[in-house]
Amino acid sequence: MELHSELRFDADPYAVFGMLTDEAYIAKKTVAAKALRHQVSVSRDGDRVTIELVRIMPPDVPDFVRRFVGETIDIKQTDVWEPAAPDGSRNGRITLEMVGMPVTCNGTMQLQGSGTTTTVTIRGDIKAAVPLFGGKIEGAVHQGLTEAAKIEEQVGRAWLAGER
């Protein structure tokens, strides 16, 4: 199932990227999305940045999915941002894996400024290799990821306005 989210921020690409790679911001958005626990690491290789995030989430999913996931949903996310272009724009890759389940999302990220606004566009493909229920699981994951993107945008706007 195709995933497409756009997050808009009233700041230049450099400020938005600084926020996206700040461990305190990542923790704040993760807690706002109802994670029970999380671990995050940000590593840099020159101007290339890798973010590894593991979220332990409550199973706020439909009943038919709950029997597959158990007491929590463990999501491992890896974002790799390539070096910035002269205007601050960047491209990256995102990988999500539901630990212990055959559910993944692989995609691309783009950070692009326009005037005083920066947009982060995420495109991905959600796959659930579960016979009979794969499509329903993909739909539930899509809904969860779309909601998480909305929360990230809200937290990010507040962060950029000084609410840390």
Protein backbone atom coordinates (compact mmCIF):
# COMPACT_ATOMS: atom_id res chain seq x y z
CA MET A 1 0.00 0.00 0.00
CA GLU A 2 1.35 3.40 -0.94
CA LEU A 3 2.13 5.93 1.77
CA HIS A 4 2.38 9.67 1.07
CA SER A 5 2.72 12.35 3.75
CA GLU A 6 3.69 16.00 3.56
CA LEU A 7 4.76 17.93 6.63
CA ARG A 8 4.99 21.72 6.37
CA PHE A 9 7.03 23.94 8.65
CA ASP A 10 7.41 27.72 8.81
CA ALA A 11 11.21 27.73 8.81
CA ASP A 12 14.08 27.36 6.38
CA PRO A 13 15.45 23.91 5.46
CA TYR A 14 18.49 24.31 7.72
CA ALA A 15 16.36 24.94 10.82
CA VAL A 16 13.96 22.11 9.94
CA PHE A 17 16.80 19.67 9.35
CA GLY A 18 18.40 20.70 12.62
CA MET A 19 15.14 19.92 14.35
CA LEU A 20 14.60 16.60 12.57
CA THR A 21 18.04 15.39 13.67
CA ASP A 22 17.85 16.64 17.27
CA GLU A 23 17.51 13.72 19.70
CA ALA A 24 15.39 15.83 22.07
CA TYR A 25 12.93 16.63 19.27
CA ILE A 26 12.81 12.99 18.19
CA ALA A 27 12.05 11.97 21.77
CA LYS A 28 9.32 14.62 22.07
CA LYS A 29 7.53 13.60 18.86
CA THR A 30 7.83 9.91 19.79
CA VAL A 31 6.28 10.46 23.21
CA ALA A 32 3.53 12.61 21.65
CA ALA A 33 2.71 9.67 19.35
CA LYS A 34 2.07 7.57 22.50
CA ALA A 35 5.24 5.46 22.51
CA LEU A 36 5.61 3.53 25.75
CA ARG A 37 9.41 3.50 25.40
CA HIS A 38 11.94 4.39 22.75
CA GLN A 39 15.63 4.44 21.89
CA VAL A 40 17.17 6.89 19.46
CA SER A 41 20.61 7.48 18.04
CA VAL A 42 21.77 10.08 15.53
CA SER A 43 25.07 9.52 13.77
CA ARG A 44 26.88 11.74 11.30
CA ASP A 45 29.31 10.94 8.54
CA GLY A 46 30.24 14.37 7.26
CA ASP A 47 26.94 15.92 6.16
CA ARG A 48 25.20 12.54 5.83
CA VAL A 49 23.00 11.74 8.85
CA THR A 50 21.53 8.43 9.99
CA ILE A 51 18.77 8.29 12.59
CA GLU A 52 17.91 4.98 14.21
CA LEU A 53 14.73 4.93 16.27
CA VAL A 54 13.06 2.00 18.01
CA ARG A 55 9.57 2.69 19.36
CA ILE A 56 7.62 0.39 21.64
CA MET A 57 4.00 1.23 20.94
CA PRO A 58 0.73 0.16 22.55
CA PRO A 59 -1.34 -2.10 20.30
CA ASP A 60 -3.88 0.58 19.32
CA VAL A 61 -4.95 -1.43 16.29
CA PRO A 62 -8.14 -3.19 15.19
CA ASP A 63 -8.84 -6.51 16.91
CA PHE A 64 -7.98 -8.58 13.83
CA VAL A 65 -4.45 -7.09 13.89
CA ARG A 66 -4.01 -7.33 17.66
CA ARG A 67 -3.84 -11.12 17.58
CA PHE A 68 -0.76 -10.82 15.36
CA VAL A 69 1.09 -8.19 17.39
CA GLY A 70 0.69 -9.10 21.04
CA GLU A 71 1.05 -6.70 23.96
CA THR A 72 3.18 -4.10 22.15
CA ILE A 73 4.23 -3.15 18.65
CA ASP A 74 7.99 -2.69 18.27
CA ILE A 75 8.87 -0.48 15.31
CA LYS A 76 12.43 -0.05 14.13
CA GLN A 77 12.91 3.00 11.90
CA THR A 78 16.06 4.04 10.07
CA ASP A 79 16.26 7.39 8.28
CA VAL A 80 19.32 8.17 6.16
CA TRP A 81 19.64 11.78 4.99
CA GLU A 82 22.08 12.55 2.19
CA PRO A 83 24.22 15.73 2.23
CA ALA A 84 22.45 19.03 1.65
CA ALA A 85 22.28 20.81 -1.67
CA PRO A 86 23.43 24.48 -1.63
CA ASP A 87 19.83 25.61 -0.91
CA GLY A 88 19.54 23.27 2.10
CA SER A 89 17.31 20.74 0.39
CA ARG A 90 18.03 17.06 1.04
CA ASN A 91 16.95 13.62 -0.05
CA GLY A 92 16.83 10.55 2.11
CA ARG A 93 15.60 7.03 2.61
CA ILE A 94 13.29 5.69 5.29
CA THR A 95 12.92 2.09 6.40
CA LEU A 96 10.37 0.85 8.93
CA GLU A 97 10.17 -2.68 10.25
CA MET A 98 7.69 -4.13 12.71
CA VAL A 99 9.97 -6.34 14.76
CA GLY A 100 8.83 -9.97 14.78
CA MET A 101 6.23 -9.40 12.06
CA PRO A 102 6.49 -9.56 8.28
CA VAL A 103 5.50 -5.89 7.95
CA THR A 104 7.79 -3.27 6.39
CA CYS A 105 7.72 0.16 4.82
CA ASN A 106 10.50 1.37 2.55
CA GLY A 107 10.54 4.75 0.94
CA THR A 108 12.06 8.12 0.25
CA MET A 109 12.12 11.46 2.02
CA GLN A 110 12.62 14.89 0.56
CA LEU A 111 13.22 18.12 2.46
CA GLN A 112 12.60 21.17 0.27
CA GLY A 113 12.37 24.86 1.11
CA SER A 114 10.23 27.44 -0.65
CA GLY A 115 10.44 30.97 0.68
CA THR A 116 9.90 30.82 4.43
CA THR A 117 8.33 27.35 4.37
CA THR A 118 9.94 23.92 4.28
CA THR A 119 8.12 20.76 3.24
CA VAL A 120 9.16 17.24 4.18
CA THR A 121 7.65 14.73 1.76
CA ILE A 122 7.62 11.05 2.64
CA ARG A 123 6.69 8.40 0.09
CA GLY A 124 6.78 4.73 0.86
CA ASP A 125 5.40 1.31 0.17
CA ILE A 126 3.87 -0.63 3.07
CA LYS A 127 4.01 -4.41 2.75
CA ALA A 128 2.47 -6.98 5.07
CA ALA A 129 3.32 -10.54 4.06
CA VAL A 130 0.44 -12.12 5.99
CA PRO A 131 -1.88 -14.43 4.06
CA LEU A 132 -5.54 -13.33 3.93
CA PHE A 133 -5.04 -10.35 6.26
CA GLY A 134 -2.12 -8.56 4.55
CA GLY A 135 -4.25 -5.85 2.96
CA LYS A 136 -6.10 -5.11 6.19
CA ILE A 137 -2.85 -4.96 8.15
CA GLU A 138 -1.35 -2.62 5.54
CA GLY A 139 -4.41 -0.38 5.91
CA ALA A 140 -4.07 -0.28 9.70
CA VAL A 141 -0.34 0.48 9.44
CA HIS A 142 -1.05 3.19 6.85
CA GLN A 143 -3.56 4.81 9.20
CA GLY A 144 -1.07 4.69 12.10
CA LEU A 145 1.78 6.16 10.07
CA THR A 146 -0.44 8.91 8.66
CA GLU A 147 -1.54 9.86 12.18
CA ALA A 148 2.10 9.80 13.38
CA ALA A 149 3.06 12.20 10.56
CA LYS A 150 0.32 14.63 11.66
CA ILE A 151 1.59 14.47 15.25
CA GLU A 152 5.17 15.00 14.07
CA GLU A 153 4.10 18.08 12.12
CA GLN A 154 2.26 19.53 15.17
CA VAL A 155 5.18 18.86 17.52
CA GLY A 156 7.61 20.25 14.94
CA ARG A 157 5.69 23.49 14.50
CA ALA A 158 5.58 23.98 18.26
CA TRP A 159 9.31 23.12 18.52
CA LEU A 160 10.24 25.69 15.89
CA ALA A 161 8.08 28.26 17.75
CA GLY A 162 10.20 27.66 20.85
CA GLU A 163 8.09 25.09 22.74
CA ARG A 164 10.73 22.58 23.77
